[in-house]
Protein backbone atom coordinates (compact mmCIF):
# COMPACT_ATOMS: atom_id res chain seq x y z
CA UNK A 1 0.00 0.00 0.00
CA UNK A 2 1.39 3.36 -1.01
CA UNK A 3 1.76 5.86 1.81
CA UNK A 4 3.20 9.25 2.70
CA UNK A 5 4.46 8.26 6.16
CA UNK A 6 8.17 9.06 5.58
CA UNK A 7 7.42 12.56 4.30
CA UNK A 8 4.92 13.39 7.03
CA UNK A 9 7.12 11.85 9.74
CA UNK A 10 10.18 13.85 8.66
CA UNK A 11 8.14 17.05 8.37
CA UNK A 12 7.18 16.61 12.04
CA UNK A 13 10.77 15.83 13.01
CA UNK A 14 9.90 12.31 14.14
CA UNK A 15 12.26 9.37 13.87
CA UNK A 16 10.97 5.94 12.97
CA UNK A 17 11.62 4.94 16.59
CA UNK A 18 9.60 7.89 17.93
CA UNK A 19 6.68 7.17 15.60
CA UNK A 20 6.79 3.51 16.58
CA UNK A 21 6.65 4.49 20.25
CA UNK A 22 3.62 6.71 19.70
CA UNK A 23 1.82 3.83 18.00
CA UNK A 24 2.95 0.98 20.23
CA UNK A 25 4.76 -0.96 17.51
CA UNK A 26 8.38 -1.74 16.70
CA UNK A 27 10.64 0.36 14.50
CA UNK A 28 10.80 -2.63 12.15
CA UNK A 29 7.03 -2.43 11.71
CA UNK A 30 7.26 1.26 10.78
CA UNK A 31 10.04 0.48 8.29
CA UNK A 32 7.97 -2.30 6.70
CA UNK A 33 4.90 -0.06 6.42
CA UNK A 34 6.93 2.83 4.96
CA UNK A 35 8.44 0.49 2.36
CA UNK A 36 5.04 -0.98 1.47
CA UNK A 37 6.02 -4.47 2.61
CA UNK A 38 3.37 -4.57 5.36
CA UNK A 39 -0.19 -3.27 5.34
CA UNK A 40 -1.24 -2.05 8.78
CA UNK A 41 -4.49 -3.09 10.41
CA UNK A 42 -7.22 -0.47 10.39
CA UNK A 43 -6.65 0.41 14.08
CA UNK A 44 -2.92 0.86 13.43
CA UNK A 45 -3.66 2.97 10.35
CA UNK A 46 -5.79 5.26 12.54
CA UNK A 47 -3.03 5.45 15.18
CA UNK A 48 -0.48 6.38 12.50
CA UNK A 49 -2.84 8.98 11.05
CA UNK A 50 -3.30 10.58 14.47
CA UNK A 51 0.43 10.44 15.31
CA UNK A 52 1.23 12.13 11.99
CA UNK A 53 -1.37 14.85 12.69
CA UNK A 54 -3.36 14.06 9.58
CA UNK A 55 -7.13 14.51 9.53
CA UNK A 56 -8.00 11.49 7.39
CA UNK A 57 -6.47 8.08 6.80
CA UNK A 58 -6.57 8.91 3.08
CA UNK A 59 -4.02 11.69 3.69
CA UNK A 60 -1.53 9.04 4.82
CA UNK A 61 -2.50 5.92 2.86
CA UNK A 62 -3.43 5.58 -0.80
CA UNK A 63 -5.19 2.37 -1.71
C-alpha atoms as a PDB file:
ATOM      1  CA  UNK A   1       0.000   0.000   0.000  1.00  0.00           C
ATOM      2  CA  UNK A   2       1.390   3.358  -1.012  1.00  0.00           C
ATOM      3  CA  UNK A   3       1.760   5.864   1.814  1.00  0.00           C
ATOM      4  CA  UNK A   4       3.205   9.250   2.705  1.00  0.00           C
ATOM      5  CA  UNK A   5       4.464   8.260   6.155  1.00  0.00           C
ATOM      6  CA  UNK A   6       8.168   9.058   5.580  1.00  0.00           C
ATOM      7  CA  UNK A   7       7.420  12.559   4.301  1.00  0.00           C
ATOM      8  CA  UNK A   8       4.920  13.386   7.031  1.00  0.00           C
ATOM      9  CA  UNK A   9       7.123  11.848   9.739  1.00  0.00           C
ATOM     10  CA  UNK A  10      10.183  13.846   8.656  1.00  0.00           C
ATOM     11  CA  UNK A  11       8.139  17.049   8.373  1.00  0.00           C
ATOM     12  CA  UNK A  12       7.178  16.611  12.037  1.00  0.00           C
ATOM     13  CA  UNK A  13      10.768  15.834  13.008  1.00  0.00           C
ATOM     14  CA  UNK A  14       9.902  12.313  14.142  1.00  0.00           C
ATOM     15  CA  UNK A  15      12.265   9.373  13.870  1.00  0.00           C
ATOM     16  CA  UNK A  16      10.972   5.941  12.971  1.00  0.00           C
ATOM     17  CA  UNK A  17      11.619   4.944  16.588  1.00  0.00           C
ATOM     18  CA  UNK A  18       9.598   7.894  17.930  1.00  0.00           C
ATOM     19  CA  UNK A  19       6.677   7.173  15.604  1.00  0.00           C
ATOM     20  CA  UNK A  20       6.785   3.510  16.579  1.00  0.00           C
ATOM     21  CA  UNK A  21       6.645   4.492  20.250  1.00  0.00           C
ATOM     22  CA  UNK A  22       3.616   6.712  19.701  1.00  0.00           C
ATOM     23  CA  UNK A  23       1.820   3.827  18.000  1.00  0.00           C
ATOM     24  CA  UNK A  24       2.949   0.981  20.234  1.00  0.00           C
ATOM     25  CA  UNK A  25       4.759  -0.957  17.514  1.00  0.00           C
ATOM     26  CA  UNK A  26       8.380  -1.735  16.701  1.00  0.00           C
ATOM     27  CA  UNK A  27      10.644   0.359  14.504  1.00  0.00           C
ATOM     28  CA  UNK A  28      10.803  -2.631  12.152  1.00  0.00           C
ATOM     29  CA  UNK A  29       7.028  -2.430  11.714  1.00  0.00           C
ATOM     30  CA  UNK A  30       7.257   1.261  10.785  1.00  0.00           C
ATOM     31  CA  UNK A  31      10.036   0.478   8.292  1.00  0.00           C
ATOM     32  CA  UNK A  32       7.968  -2.304   6.701  1.00  0.00           C
ATOM     33  CA  UNK A  33       4.901  -0.056   6.420  1.00  0.00           C
ATOM     34  CA  UNK A  34       6.926   2.831   4.958  1.00  0.00           C
ATOM     35  CA  UNK A  35       8.435   0.488   2.363  1.00  0.00           C
ATOM     36  CA  UNK A  36       5.038  -0.977   1.466  1.00  0.00           C
ATOM     37  CA  UNK A  37       6.018  -4.473   2.606  1.00  0.00           C
ATOM     38  CA  UNK A  38       3.369  -4.570   5.359  1.00  0.00           C
ATOM     39  CA  UNK A  39      -0.187  -3.268   5.342  1.00  0.00           C
ATOM     40  CA  UNK A  40      -1.245  -2.050   8.781  1.00  0.00           C
ATOM     41  CA  UNK A  41      -4.486  -3.086  10.413  1.00  0.00           C
ATOM     42  CA  UNK A  42      -7.219  -0.467  10.390  1.00  0.00           C
ATOM     43  CA  UNK A  43      -6.653   0.409  14.082  1.00  0.00           C
ATOM     44  CA  UNK A  44      -2.918   0.862  13.434  1.00  0.00           C
ATOM     45  CA  UNK A  45      -3.656   2.967  10.352  1.00  0.00           C
ATOM     46  CA  UNK A  46      -5.790   5.257  12.542  1.00  0.00           C
ATOM     47  CA  UNK A  47      -3.028   5.454  15.176  1.00  0.00           C
ATOM     48  CA  UNK A  48      -0.484   6.377  12.504  1.00  0.00           C
ATOM     49  CA  UNK A  49      -2.836   8.982  11.052  1.00  0.00           C
ATOM     50  CA  UNK A  50      -3.298  10.585  14.469  1.00  0.00           C
ATOM     51  CA  UNK A  51       0.427  10.437  15.307  1.00  0.00           C
ATOM     52  CA  UNK A  52       1.233  12.132  11.994  1.00  0.00           C
ATOM     53  CA  UNK A  53      -1.365  14.852  12.690  1.00  0.00           C
ATOM     54  CA  UNK A  54      -3.362  14.056   9.580  1.00  0.00           C
ATOM     55  CA  UNK A  55      -7.126  14.507   9.528  1.00  0.00           C
ATOM     56  CA  UNK A  56      -8.003  11.491   7.392  1.00  0.00           C
ATOM     57  CA  UNK A  57      -6.467   8.079   6.802  1.00  0.00           C
ATOM     58  CA  UNK A  58      -6.573   8.912   3.084  1.00  0.00           C
ATOM     59  CA  UNK A  59      -4.023  11.691   3.694  1.00  0.00           C
ATOM     60  CA  UNK A  60      -1.529   9.045   4.822  1.00  0.00           C
ATOM     61  CA  UNK A  61      -2.496   5.922   2.857  1.00  0.00           C
ATOM     62  CA  UNK A  62      -3.435   5.584  -0.796  1.00  0.00           C
ATOM     63  CA  UNK A  63      -5.190   2.371  -1.712  1.00  0.00           C
END
